[in-house]
C-alpha atoms as a PDB file:
ATOM      1  CA  MET A   1      47.268 118.015 -83.574  1.00  0.00           C
ATOM      2  CA  GLY A   2      45.216 114.665 -83.304  1.00  0.00           C
ATOM      3  CA  GLN A   3      41.877 114.013 -81.674  1.00  0.00           C
ATOM      4  CA  SER A   4      43.506 112.057 -78.925  1.00  0.00           C
ATOM      5  CA  ASP A   5      46.063 114.976 -78.197  1.00  0.00           C
ATOM      6  CA  MET A   6      43.115 117.591 -78.138  1.00  0.00           C
ATOM      7  CA  GLU A   7      41.017 115.548 -75.573  1.00  0.00           C
ATOM      8  CA  GLY A   8      43.697 115.834 -72.997  1.00  0.00           C
ATOM      9  CA  MET A   9      44.142 119.656 -73.249  1.00  0.00           C
ATOM     10  CA  GLN A  10      42.529 122.123 -71.016  1.00  0.00           C
ATOM     11  CA  LEU A  11      39.888 124.328 -72.505  1.00  0.00           C
ATOM     12  CA  LYS A  12      41.739 127.491 -71.316  1.00  0.00           C
ATOM     13  CA  THR A  13      44.715 126.282 -73.727  1.00  0.00           C
ATOM     14  CA  LEU A  14      42.448 125.313 -76.600  1.00  0.00           C
ATOM     15  CA  ILE A  15      40.607 128.773 -76.485  1.00  0.00           C
ATOM     16  CA  GLU A  16      43.748 131.101 -75.823  1.00  0.00           C
ATOM     17  CA  SER A  17      45.461 129.387 -78.997  1.00  0.00           C
ATOM     18  CA  ARG A  18      42.637 130.561 -81.214  1.00  0.00           C
ATOM     19  CA  SER A  19      43.259 127.517 -83.124  1.00  0.00           C
ATOM     20  CA  LYS A  20      40.405 126.673 -85.897  1.00  0.00           C
ATOM     21  CA  GLU A  21      41.044 123.090 -85.034  1.00  0.00           C
ATOM     22  CA  ALA A  22      40.478 123.543 -81.350  1.00  0.00           C
ATOM     23  CA  PHE A  23      37.218 125.290 -82.048  1.00  0.00           C
ATOM     24  CA  ASP A  24      36.190 122.519 -84.616  1.00  0.00           C
ATOM     25  CA  HIS A  25      36.742 120.153 -81.925  1.00  0.00           C
ATOM     26  CA  LEU A  26      34.787 121.844 -79.421  1.00  0.00           C
ATOM     27  CA  TYR A  27      32.006 122.423 -81.996  1.00  0.00           C
ATOM     28  CA  GLU A  28      31.898 118.585 -82.731  1.00  0.00           C
ATOM     29  CA  LYS A  29      32.047 117.619 -79.341  1.00  0.00           C
ATOM     30  CA  TYR A  30      29.587 119.808 -77.482  1.00  0.00           C
ATOM     31  CA  ALA A  31      27.327 121.547 -80.243  1.00  0.00           C
ATOM     32  CA  SER A  32      24.443 118.937 -80.156  1.00  0.00           C
ATOM     33  CA  SER A  33      24.343 119.117 -76.341  1.00  0.00           C
ATOM     34  CA  LEU A  34      24.190 122.736 -76.409  1.00  0.00           C
ATOM     35  CA  MET A  35      21.566 122.566 -79.103  1.00  0.00           C
ATOM     36  CA  GLY A  36      19.667 120.376 -76.878  1.00  0.00           C
ATOM     37  CA  ILE A  37      19.838 122.923 -74.077  1.00  0.00           C
ATOM     38  CA  ALA A  38      18.744 125.741 -76.197  1.00  0.00           C
ATOM     39  CA  MET A  39      15.840 123.799 -77.572  1.00  0.00           C
ATOM     40  CA  ARG A  40      14.377 122.939 -74.260  1.00  0.00           C
ATOM     41  CA  ALA A  41      14.621 126.604 -73.329  1.00  0.00           C
ATOM     42  CA  VAL A  42      13.349 128.038 -76.530  1.00  0.00           C
ATOM     43  CA  SER A  43      11.479 125.594 -78.465  1.00  0.00           C
ATOM     44  CA  ASP A  44      12.318 127.304 -81.716  1.00  0.00           C
ATOM     45  CA  ARG A  45      14.928 125.819 -83.906  1.00  0.00           C
ATOM     46  CA  ALA A  46      16.358 129.154 -85.521  1.00  0.00           C
ATOM     47  CA  THR A  47      16.507 130.632 -81.940  1.00  0.00           C
ATOM     48  CA  ALA A  48      18.206 127.644 -80.687  1.00  0.00           C
ATOM     49  CA  GLN A  49      20.835 127.683 -83.455  1.00  0.00           C
ATOM     50  CA  GLU A  50      21.353 131.444 -82.628  1.00  0.00           C
ATOM     51  CA  ILE A  51      22.015 130.608 -79.062  1.00  0.00           C
ATOM     52  CA  VAL A  52      24.523 128.011 -79.902  1.00  0.00           C
ATOM     53  CA  HIS A  53      26.456 130.258 -82.469  1.00  0.00           C
ATOM     54  CA  ASP A  54      26.475 133.232 -79.832  1.00  0.00           C
ATOM     55  CA  THR A  55      27.877 130.694 -77.250  1.00  0.00           C
ATOM     56  CA  TYR A  56      30.852 129.834 -79.514  1.00  0.00           C
ATOM     57  CA  LEU A  57      31.165 133.564 -80.430  1.00  0.00           C
ATOM     58  CA  LYS A  58      31.248 134.503 -76.917  1.00  0.00           C
ATOM     59  CA  ILE A  59      33.886 132.077 -75.980  1.00  0.00           C
ATOM     60  CA  TRP A  60      35.888 132.996 -79.156  1.00  0.00           C
ATOM     61  CA  ASN A  61      35.880 136.833 -78.067  1.00  0.00           C
ATOM     62  CA  LYS A  62      36.532 136.037 -74.184  1.00  0.00           C
ATOM     63  CA  LYS A  63      39.657 138.008 -72.930  1.00  0.00           C
ATOM     64  CA  ASN A  64      39.923 135.913 -69.673  1.00  0.00           C
ATOM     65  CA  PHE A  65      39.900 132.540 -69.450  1.00  0.00           C
ATOM     66  CA  ASN A  66      40.548 131.967 -65.642  1.00  0.00           C
ATOM     67  CA  GLU A  67      37.089 130.382 -65.242  1.00  0.00           C
ATOM     68  CA  PHE A  68      37.751 127.529 -67.713  1.00  0.00           C
ATOM     69  CA  GLU A  69      40.767 126.255 -65.614  1.00  0.00           C
ATOM     70  CA  HIS A  70      38.212 125.221 -62.748  1.00  0.00           C
ATOM     71  CA  ARG A  71      35.452 123.879 -64.443  1.00  0.00           C
ATOM     72  CA  ARG A  72      34.789 121.294 -67.206  1.00  0.00           C
ATOM     73  CA  ALA A  73      34.534 122.488 -70.807  1.00  0.00           C
ATOM     74  CA  PHE A  74      30.800 121.649 -71.004  1.00  0.00           C
ATOM     75  CA  SER A  75      29.935 123.124 -67.763  1.00  0.00           C
ATOM     76  CA  CYS A  76      31.610 126.546 -68.852  1.00  0.00           C
ATOM     77  CA  MET A  77      29.956 126.313 -72.328  1.00  0.00           C
ATOM     78  CA  ALA A  78      26.525 125.361 -71.064  1.00  0.00           C
ATOM     79  CA  GLY A  79      26.810 128.161 -68.300  1.00  0.00           C
ATOM     80  CA  ILE A  80      27.536 130.651 -71.123  1.00  0.00           C
ATOM     81  CA  SER A  81      24.316 129.371 -73.246  1.00  0.00           C
ATOM     82  CA  GLN A  82      22.190 129.888 -70.231  1.00  0.00           C
ATOM     83  CA  GLU A  83      23.453 133.367 -69.778  1.00  0.00           C
ATOM     84  CA  ILE A  84      22.522 134.019 -73.537  1.00  0.00           C
ATOM     85  CA  ILE A  85      19.266 132.354 -72.918  1.00  0.00           C
ATOM     86  CA  SER A  86      18.336 134.582 -70.038  1.00  0.00           C
ATOM     87  CA  GLU A  87      19.448 137.612 -71.792  1.00  0.00           C
ATOM     88  CA  LYS A  88      17.239 136.734 -74.782  1.00  0.00           C
ATOM     89  CA  ASN A  89      14.201 136.265 -72.389  1.00  0.00           C
ATOM     90  CA  ARG A  90      15.105 139.464 -70.805  1.00  0.00           C
ATOM     91  CA  THR A  91      15.341 141.495 -74.033  1.00  0.00           C
ATOM     92  CA  HIS A  92      12.554 139.702 -76.004  1.00  0.00           C
ATOM     93  CA  GLY A  93      10.273 138.325 -73.385  1.00  0.00           C
ATOM     94  CA  ILE A  94       9.507 134.762 -72.785  1.00  0.00           C
ATOM     95  CA  ASN A  95       6.440 134.996 -75.032  1.00  0.00           C
ATOM     96  CA  GLU A  96       8.461 135.456 -77.992  1.00  0.00           C
ATOM     97  CA  PHE A  97      10.066 132.009 -77.808  1.00  0.00           C
END
């Protein structure tokens, strides 16, 4: 599957296929933006990298992909990152970041 073919596909289809190429594409396209969101939230590179990693892991392990049909890929992924950031803040307290 080529880059241009990948661009036209829905995120739901990419994720459901569990295709390594699909996830590589999603990583290349969105990881730096997700890292920016995480860095603004936590100001610690290692924790920000963990948030980005956890975002992709959560997407990979998802069972229901209906929410991805109605929103843009980045919106879905940014929302997941924000959930992870909020959970880390609740679990570890904002002062640890």
